[in-house]
Protein backbone atom coordinates (compact mmCIF):
# COMPACT_ATOMS: atom_id res chain seq x y z
CA UNK A 1 0.00 0.00 0.00
CA UNK A 2 1.50 3.32 -1.05
CA UNK A 3 1.92 6.21 1.36
CA UNK A 4 -0.44 8.35 -0.73
CA UNK A 5 -3.17 5.72 -0.67
CA UNK A 6 -2.71 5.20 3.06
CA UNK A 7 -2.97 8.89 3.82
CA UNK A 8 -6.03 9.18 1.60
CA UNK A 9 -7.71 6.43 3.59
CA UNK A 10 -7.04 8.17 6.89
CA UNK A 11 -8.17 11.53 5.55
CA UNK A 12 -11.51 9.94 4.65
CA UNK A 13 -12.02 7.58 7.60
CA UNK A 14 -10.80 9.58 10.58
CA UNK A 15 -13.22 12.49 10.14
CA UNK A 16 -16.06 10.03 9.59
CA UNK A 17 -15.14 8.29 12.84
CA UNK A 18 -15.16 11.59 14.72
CA UNK A 19 -18.65 12.36 13.47
CA UNK A 20 -19.94 8.80 13.87
CA UNK A 21 -19.27 8.62 17.60
CA UNK A 22 -21.76 11.39 18.41
CA UNK A 23 -19.14 13.72 19.80
CA UNK A 24 -15.54 13.40 20.89
CA UNK A 25 -16.23 13.66 24.61
CA UNK A 26 -18.23 10.67 25.84
CA UNK A 27 -16.44 7.36 26.35
CA UNK A 28 -17.26 3.92 27.71
CA UNK A 29 -19.61 1.10 26.75
CA UNK A 30 -22.12 2.28 29.36
CA UNK A 31 -22.27 5.68 27.66
CA UNK A 32 -22.40 4.19 24.15
CA UNK A 33 -25.31 1.90 25.04
CA UNK A 34 -27.34 4.99 26.00
CA UNK A 35 -26.54 6.96 22.85
CA UNK A 36 -23.86 8.99 24.68
CA UNK A 37 -26.55 10.93 26.56
CA UNK A 38 -24.22 11.20 29.55
CA UNK A 39 -23.88 14.85 30.54
CA UNK A 40 -26.22 14.50 33.55
CA UNK A 41 -24.96 11.12 34.79
CA UNK A 42 -22.83 10.77 37.94
CA UNK A 43 -20.81 7.58 37.67
CA UNK A 44 -17.17 6.55 37.24
CA UNK A 45 -17.30 7.24 33.49
CA UNK A 46 -17.95 10.90 34.27
CA UNK A 47 -14.16 11.27 34.43
CA UNK A 48 -14.34 11.18 30.61
CA UNK A 49 -17.88 12.44 30.01
CA UNK A 50 -18.45 15.27 32.50
CA UNK A 51 -15.82 15.85 35.23
CA UNK A 52 -18.45 17.33 37.51
CA UNK A 53 -19.85 13.86 38.17
CA UNK A 54 -16.84 12.20 39.77
CA UNK A 55 -17.34 13.88 43.15
CA UNK A 56 -20.17 11.37 43.69
CA UNK A 57 -17.68 8.47 43.58
CA UNK A 58 -16.91 7.48 47.17
CA UNK A 59 -14.28 4.77 46.65
CA UNK A 60 -11.07 4.36 44.68
CA UNK A 61 -12.14 3.22 41.21
CA UNK A 62 -10.25 2.06 38.14
CA UNK A 63 -11.77 1.76 34.68
CA UNK A 64 -10.84 0.50 31.22
CA UNK A 65 -12.52 0.71 27.82
CA UNK A 66 -11.80 -0.82 24.42
CA UNK A 67 -13.65 0.00 21.19
CA UNK A 68 -13.35 -1.75 17.82
CA UNK A 69 -14.59 0.58 15.12
CA UNK A 70 -16.09 -1.07 12.05
CA UNK A 71 -13.82 -4.12 12.47
CA UNK A 72 -10.76 -2.04 11.48
CA UNK A 73 -7.73 -2.46 13.75
CA UNK A 74 -6.38 0.90 12.58
CA UNK A 75 -9.39 2.60 14.19
CA UNK A 76 -9.24 0.99 17.62
CA UNK A 77 -9.80 3.11 20.70
CA UNK A 78 -8.38 2.35 24.15
CA UNK A 79 -8.91 4.37 27.32
CA UNK A 80 -8.28 3.95 31.03
CA UNK A 81 -8.87 5.98 34.17
CA UNK A 82 -8.47 6.17 37.92
CA UNK A 83 -10.63 8.06 40.42
CA UNK A 84 -9.31 9.02 43.86
CA UNK A 85 -12.03 10.31 46.22
CA UNK A 86 -11.27 12.91 48.89
CA UNK A 87 -13.54 14.18 51.69
CA UNK A 88 -16.05 16.12 49.56
CA UNK A 89 -14.28 16.03 46.22
CA UNK A 90 -12.48 13.67 43.84
CA UNK A 91 -9.46 13.62 41.54
CA UNK A 92 -9.48 11.75 38.25
CA UNK A 93 -6.67 10.62 35.95
CA UNK A 94 -7.30 9.50 32.36
CA UNK A 95 -5.43 8.20 29.35
CA UNK A 96 -6.71 7.70 25.81
CA UNK A 97 -5.37 6.35 22.52
CA UNK A 98 -6.91 6.12 19.05
CA UNK A 99 -5.43 4.79 15.80
CA UNK A 100 -2.20 2.98 14.92
CA UNK A 101 1.39 3.81 13.88
CA UNK A 102 0.19 5.60 10.73
CA UNK A 103 -2.21 7.98 12.45
CA UNK A 104 -2.52 8.23 16.21
CA UNK A 105 -4.35 10.49 18.63
CA UNK A 106 -3.38 10.25 22.29
CA UNK A 107 -4.45 12.15 25.38
CA UNK A 108 -3.74 12.32 29.10
CA UNK A 109 -6.01 14.20 31.48
CA UNK A 110 -6.33 15.41 35.06
CA UNK A 111 -9.78 16.13 36.49
CA UNK A 112 -11.01 17.61 39.77
CA UNK A 113 -14.57 17.71 41.08
CA UNK A 114 -16.16 19.11 44.23
CA UNK A 115 -19.67 18.88 45.67
CA UNK A 116 -21.41 21.90 47.19
CA UNK A 117 -25.00 21.34 48.26
CA UNK A 118 -26.96 19.91 45.34
CA UNK A 119 -24.26 20.95 42.86
CA UNK A 120 -21.27 18.98 41.58
CA UNK A 121 -18.66 21.13 39.82
CA UNK A 122 -15.70 19.79 37.85
CA UNK A 123 -12.78 20.87 35.68
CA UNK A 124 -10.41 18.88 33.51
CA UNK A 125 -7.14 19.66 31.75
CA UNK A 126 -5.96 17.36 28.96
CA UNK A 127 -2.93 17.17 26.72
CA UNK A 128 -3.68 15.83 23.22
CA UNK A 129 -0.97 14.58 20.89
CA UNK A 130 -1.59 13.96 17.18
CA UNK A 131 0.86 12.20 14.87
CA UNK A 132 0.89 11.10 11.22
CA UNK A 133 3.67 8.80 10.01
CA UNK A 134 6.31 10.73 8.01
CA UNK A 135 4.33 13.95 8.47
CA UNK A 136 5.23 14.98 12.01
CA UNK A 137 3.18 15.51 15.14
CA UNK A 138 1.47 18.23 17.12
CA UNK A 139 0.45 18.74 20.75
CA UNK A 140 -2.49 20.64 22.17
CA UNK A 141 -3.69 21.47 25.69
CA UNK A 142 -7.47 21.57 26.12
CA UNK A 143 -9.61 22.63 29.05
CA UNK A 144 -13.18 21.66 29.97
CA UNK A 145 -15.65 22.41 32.75
CA UNK A 146 -18.84 20.70 33.85
CA UNK A 147 -21.56 20.70 36.45
CA UNK A 148 -24.40 18.45 37.56
CA UNK A 149 -27.32 19.51 39.77
CA UNK A 150 -29.33 16.91 41.67
CA UNK A 151 -32.79 18.48 41.84
CA UNK A 152 -34.32 15.45 43.55
CA UNK A 153 -33.69 11.74 43.98
CA UNK A 154 -35.19 11.24 40.51
CA UNK A 155 -34.05 14.26 38.49
CA UNK A 156 -30.58 15.57 37.58
CA UNK A 157 -29.48 18.30 35.17
CA UNK A 158 -26.02 18.54 33.65
CA UNK A 159 -23.92 20.94 31.60
CA UNK A 160 -20.48 20.56 30.04
CA UNK A 161 -18.35 23.03 28.08
CA UNK A 162 -15.40 21.71 26.09
CA UNK A 163 -12.53 24.06 25.18
CA UNK A 164 -14.11 27.36 26.31
CA UNK A 165 -10.76 29.15 25.83
CA UNK A 166 -10.74 28.38 22.05
CA UNK A 167 -7.39 26.56 22.05
CA UNK A 168 -6.21 25.11 18.73
CA UNK A 169 -6.43 26.71 15.29
CA UNK A 170 -4.67 24.60 12.63
CA UNK A 171 -6.34 22.11 10.27
CA UNK A 172 -5.37 18.94 12.13
CA UNK A 173 -6.76 20.21 15.40
CA UNK A 174 -9.83 21.89 13.96
CA UNK A 175 -12.50 19.28 14.68
CA UNK A 176 -10.91 18.21 17.96
CA UNK A 177 -10.79 21.69 19.44
CA UNK A 178 -14.14 23.20 18.49
CA UNK A 179 -15.76 24.76 21.57
CA UNK A 180 -18.76 22.58 22.40
CA UNK A 181 -21.69 22.95 24.76
CA UNK A 182 -23.66 19.96 26.08
CA UNK A 183 -26.76 20.21 28.25
CA UNK A 184 -29.12 17.49 29.36
CA UNK A 185 -31.07 15.75 32.06
CA UNK A 186 -31.57 12.36 33.70
CA UNK A 187 -34.88 11.11 35.06
CA UNK A 188 -35.61 7.98 37.13
CA UNK A 189 -39.37 7.28 36.95
CA UNK A 190 -38.85 3.88 38.59
CA UNK A 191 -35.99 2.41 40.60
CA UNK A 192 -35.20 0.04 37.70
CA UNK A 193 -35.45 2.62 34.90
CA UNK A 194 -33.37 5.66 33.93
CA UNK A 195 -34.13 8.00 31.01
CA UNK A 196 -31.50 10.44 29.72
CA UNK A 197 -31.46 13.16 27.12
CA UNK A 198 -28.78 15.53 25.84
CA UNK A 199 -28.31 18.32 23.32
CA UNK A 200 -24.82 18.96 21.95
CA UNK A 201 -23.86 22.04 19.95
CA UNK A 202 -20.45 22.91 18.47
CA UNK A 203 -19.40 25.93 16.46
CA UNK A 204 -20.24 25.49 12.74
CA UNK A 205 -21.59 21.95 13.39
CA UNK A 206 -25.27 21.03 13.44
CA UNK A 207 -26.89 20.27 16.78
CA UNK A 208 -26.76 16.65 17.91
CA UNK A 209 -29.75 15.33 19.88
CA UNK A 210 -29.34 12.20 22.03
CA UNK A 211 -31.69 10.09 24.09
CA UNK A 212 -30.94 6.98 26.12
CA UNK A 213 -32.60 4.45 28.37
CA UNK A 214 -31.22 2.03 30.95
CA UNK A 215 -33.39 -0.70 32.49
CA UNK A 216 -32.48 -3.24 35.17
CA UNK A 217 -34.01 -6.42 33.73
CA UNK A 218 -32.84 -8.63 36.58
CA UNK A 219 -30.84 -7.85 39.73
CA UNK A 220 -27.37 -6.66 38.60
CA UNK A 221 -28.22 -7.10 34.88
CA UNK A 222 -28.96 -3.97 32.81
CA UNK A 223 -30.16 -3.41 29.26
CA UNK A 224 -29.65 -0.16 27.36
CA UNK A 225 -30.71 1.55 24.15
CA UNK A 226 -29.97 4.99 22.73
CA UNK A 227 -30.44 7.12 19.62
CA UNK A 228 -28.38 10.00 18.24
CA UNK A 229 -29.39 12.44 15.49
CA UNK A 230 -26.00 13.35 14.06
CA UNK A 231 -25.53 11.03 12.40
CA UNK A 232 -28.66 8.94 12.91
CA UNK A 233 -27.49 5.94 14.91
CA UNK A 234 -29.02 3.33 17.16
CA UNK A 235 -27.00 2.10 20.13
CA UNK A 236 -27.54 -1.05 22.18
CA UNK A 237 -25.88 -2.18 25.38
CA UNK A 238 -25.93 -4.55 28.31
CA UNK A 239 -24.20 -4.49 31.66
CA UNK A 240 -23.56 -6.68 34.67
CA UNK A 241 -22.91 -4.69 37.85
CA UNK A 242 -21.91 -5.92 41.30
CA UNK A 243 -20.80 -3.94 44.34
CA UNK A 244 -17.21 -3.87 43.12
CA UNK A 245 -17.05 -5.02 39.50
CA UNK A 246 -18.99 -3.52 36.58
CA UNK A 247 -18.79 -5.01 33.08
CA UNK A 248 -20.52 -3.30 30.13
CA UNK A 249 -20.85 -4.05 26.43
CA UNK A 250 -22.24 -1.87 23.64
CA UNK A 251 -22.94 -2.19 19.94
CA UNK A 252 -23.64 0.71 17.60
CA UNK A 253 -24.53 0.73 13.92
CA UNK A 254 -23.57 3.38 11.36
CA UNK A 255 -25.51 3.47 8.08
CA UNK A 256 -22.34 3.87 5.98
CA UNK A 257 -19.44 2.44 7.99
CA UNK A 258 -21.07 -0.51 9.72
CA UNK A 259 -20.95 -1.89 13.27
CA UNK A 260 -18.73 -0.96 16.21
CA UNK A 261 -18.25 -2.98 19.40
CA UNK A 262 -17.18 -1.64 22.77
CA UNK A 263 -16.47 -3.13 26.18
CA UNK A 264 -15.94 -1.32 29.46
CA UNK A 265 -14.81 -2.60 32.85
CA UNK A 266 -14.62 -0.74 36.14
CA UNK A 267 -13.58 -1.92 39.58
CA UNK A 268 -14.40 -0.23 42.89
CA UNK A 269 -11.83 -0.83 45.61
CA UNK A 270 -12.92 -0.90 49.26
CA UNK A 271 -16.58 -0.82 48.29
CA UNK A 272 -18.81 -0.59 51.37
C-alpha cells in the first residue's frame, strides 16, 4: 500500500469516525449503550464524560474501555482511568489512545470535582498529541468544565463546556478543538429505569440530539438503548454490575461504515 493511498484512507475515515461517535467527549460502553446521553450522569465514566460527576464516587475506582470501530484495527480506541475520592471532592486521571502507527491520537487528562449542596462542579485539563507517520506531530492542551445539579432523587441536570478558551487553530486540530456545549437531564421514573437526554452544539456543526434508556431487567443485569441524530445511529448495550465489579458491552450501527463494538470494565476498591 502506497503512502499516498494510506494517507487518503485516513483523511476519509478519521473524520467520519469523529462524526460517527456522536461527539468526541463521551467514552465507555455504558455511555455508548445509552446513545452517549451522559452529561447528567454521575458515575465513574464521568471522568471522561463530564468531570463534575466524579465527586459522587466514594471509593477508589479504576476503569478500562476498548472499542473496535467497524472491524478495522487501525481505528481501535483504548482508554483507562483512575478516580481518587477525597472528603467532599475527587481527583481523576485519564489516558486515551486512538489509531495505529500511521495515524494516532493520544491524550492524558487530570480532572477535579467538588460537591457543594446539590451541585457537583468539575474541571479537567488534557494534553492531546496527534501524529501522522512521516508527516510529524502536534500537541495541544485543552480545558473543559462541567456541572451536575441533583434536583431530587429522581431528576438531575447537567452541563459541560469543552474548550471554552478556544485553544487550537490549525487544520489537524480543527475538529478536535471546536468549543462545544452539552446540556441534558436524567430522570428515574422507577428504581429500575433511567431515562437520559442531551443536546450537543459545536461551532459550525449542526446540533446533535441524544436520548438513552437504561433498564435493570434482573438484579445486577442492565439493558440499554440509545439514539443520536448526528448522524442517525441506534446504540444497544448490556451491563452486569456488582458492588465492586462492573462489566458493560455496547454495539452501535452506522448506516455507511457498519458496526462498532465496545467493552468497558470498572472496579471499585474498598466498596462498602
